[in-house]
Amino acid sequence: MEELSLGFTDIKELYRSYMPYLKNGGLFVRTSRQYKMGQSLALNVTLPDALEPMVVSGKVAWITPPGSQSSSPAGIGVAFIDDKAQLGPRIEKLLGGLQNSAEATYTI
């Protein structure tokens, strides 16, 4: 399984990348590489308040191709499948009130 590393240094970037509407949560990964829907990946994620990365496995659930009509960057949305590290709940705790923000995200 391919592993992707993501490091978030600020909460706003985490907010723009988090996908709370997926069943177990997920993250948008900026990339110009091509992936297939349903492709399994492992995410190695470092949150703004963490020193060590957390690993979560997931599947590609969203694709924004390069040059899409929206102003969103190219990338993929990875839905969390096996979240033993409880990454989704940790992200939601960090985001707090931002989750109801009207600020644009990289997906919806």
Protein backbone atom coordinates (compact mmCIF):
# COMPACT_ATOMS: atom_id res chain seq x y z
CA MET A 1 0.00 0.00 0.00
CA GLU A 2 1.37 3.39 -0.96
CA GLU A 3 2.05 5.81 1.89
CA LEU A 4 1.63 9.58 1.66
CA SER A 5 2.99 12.01 4.26
CA LEU A 6 1.05 15.13 5.23
CA GLY A 7 2.24 17.78 7.66
CA PHE A 8 -0.12 20.50 8.83
CA THR A 9 1.46 23.54 10.46
CA ASP A 10 -1.66 25.64 10.79
CA ILE A 11 -5.29 25.02 11.70
CA LYS A 12 -6.71 26.85 8.65
CA GLU A 13 -4.91 24.52 6.24
CA LEU A 14 -6.19 21.54 8.23
CA TYR A 15 -9.73 22.98 8.04
CA ARG A 16 -9.48 23.38 4.25
CA SER A 17 -8.29 19.77 3.91
CA TYR A 18 -10.56 17.94 6.36
CA MET A 19 -13.57 16.10 4.93
CA PRO A 20 -16.05 15.65 7.84
CA TYR A 21 -18.93 14.56 5.60
CA LEU A 22 -17.26 11.21 4.92
CA LYS A 23 -18.45 8.45 7.29
CA ASN A 24 -15.20 8.21 9.30
CA GLY A 25 -13.73 11.53 8.14
CA GLY A 26 -11.02 12.06 5.55
CA LEU A 27 -8.38 14.43 4.25
CA PHE A 28 -7.76 16.16 0.95
CA VAL A 29 -4.20 15.63 -0.28
CA ARG A 30 -2.80 18.14 -2.77
CA THR A 31 -1.09 16.19 -5.54
CA SER A 32 -0.76 16.18 -9.32
CA ARG A 33 -0.24 12.40 -9.33
CA GLN A 34 -3.07 10.30 -10.68
CA TYR A 35 -4.91 7.90 -8.42
CA LYS A 36 -7.94 5.70 -8.97
CA MET A 37 -11.21 5.87 -7.05
CA GLY A 38 -11.15 3.26 -4.30
CA GLN A 39 -7.35 2.95 -4.34
CA SER A 40 -5.99 2.05 -0.89
CA LEU A 41 -3.46 4.40 0.69
CA ALA A 42 -1.82 4.94 4.05
CA LEU A 43 -1.64 8.53 5.31
CA ASN A 44 1.17 9.54 7.64
CA VAL A 45 -0.31 12.72 9.18
CA THR A 46 1.32 15.25 11.50
CA LEU A 47 -1.19 17.64 13.08
CA PRO A 48 -0.32 21.22 14.14
CA ASP A 49 -0.24 20.26 17.84
CA ALA A 50 1.67 16.97 17.41
CA LEU A 51 5.34 16.06 17.42
CA GLU A 52 4.84 12.58 15.99
CA PRO A 53 2.84 11.60 12.90
CA MET A 54 -0.21 9.34 13.09
CA VAL A 55 -0.94 6.68 10.50
CA VAL A 56 -4.41 6.01 9.11
CA SER A 57 -5.37 3.82 6.18
CA GLY A 58 -7.93 4.97 3.69
CA LYS A 59 -9.30 4.85 0.17
CA VAL A 60 -9.50 7.49 -2.53
CA ALA A 61 -13.05 8.89 -2.40
CA TRP A 62 -12.61 12.21 -4.25
CA ILE A 63 -10.51 13.36 -7.20
CA THR A 64 -9.92 16.95 -8.29
CA PRO A 65 -7.94 16.72 -11.53
CA PRO A 66 -5.31 19.28 -12.55
CA GLY A 67 -6.91 22.20 -14.38
CA SER A 68 -10.40 21.64 -12.97
CA GLN A 69 -12.90 24.42 -13.55
CA SER A 70 -13.11 25.30 -9.88
CA SER A 71 -10.33 27.20 -8.16
CA SER A 72 -9.54 24.12 -6.06
CA PRO A 73 -6.03 22.67 -6.27
CA ALA A 74 -5.47 19.28 -7.89
CA GLY A 75 -5.56 16.39 -5.47
CA ILE A 76 -7.43 13.51 -3.91
CA GLY A 77 -9.75 13.05 -0.97
CA VAL A 78 -8.85 10.04 1.14
CA ALA A 79 -11.64 8.58 3.29
CA PHE A 80 -10.43 7.11 6.58
CA ILE A 81 -11.02 3.36 6.71
CA ASP A 82 -8.88 2.12 9.60
CA ASP A 83 -8.39 4.96 12.10
CA LYS A 84 -6.81 3.22 15.10
CA ALA A 85 -5.03 6.46 16.03
CA GLN A 86 -8.41 8.26 16.27
CA LEU A 87 -7.18 10.90 13.83
CA GLY A 88 -10.71 11.99 12.82
CA PRO A 89 -11.81 12.83 16.39
CA ARG A 90 -8.47 14.57 17.07
CA ILE A 91 -8.91 16.74 13.98
CA GLU A 92 -12.49 17.62 14.96
CA LYS A 93 -11.33 18.61 18.43
CA LEU A 94 -8.58 20.83 16.97
CA LEU A 95 -10.98 22.48 14.53
CA GLY A 96 -13.60 23.19 17.19
CA GLY A 97 -15.85 26.05 16.04
CA LEU A 98 -14.20 26.26 12.62
CA GLN A 99 -16.24 23.26 11.48
CA ASN A 100 -19.29 25.50 11.04
CA SER A 101 -17.31 28.15 9.16
CA ALA A 102 -18.45 29.38 5.77
CA GLU A 103 -14.82 29.61 4.66
CA ALA A 104 -14.09 27.63 1.47
CA THR A 105 -12.43 24.23 1.60
CA TYR A 106 -10.58 22.25 -1.07
CA THR A 107 -13.60 20.02 -1.69
CA ILE A 108 -17.19 21.10 -0.95
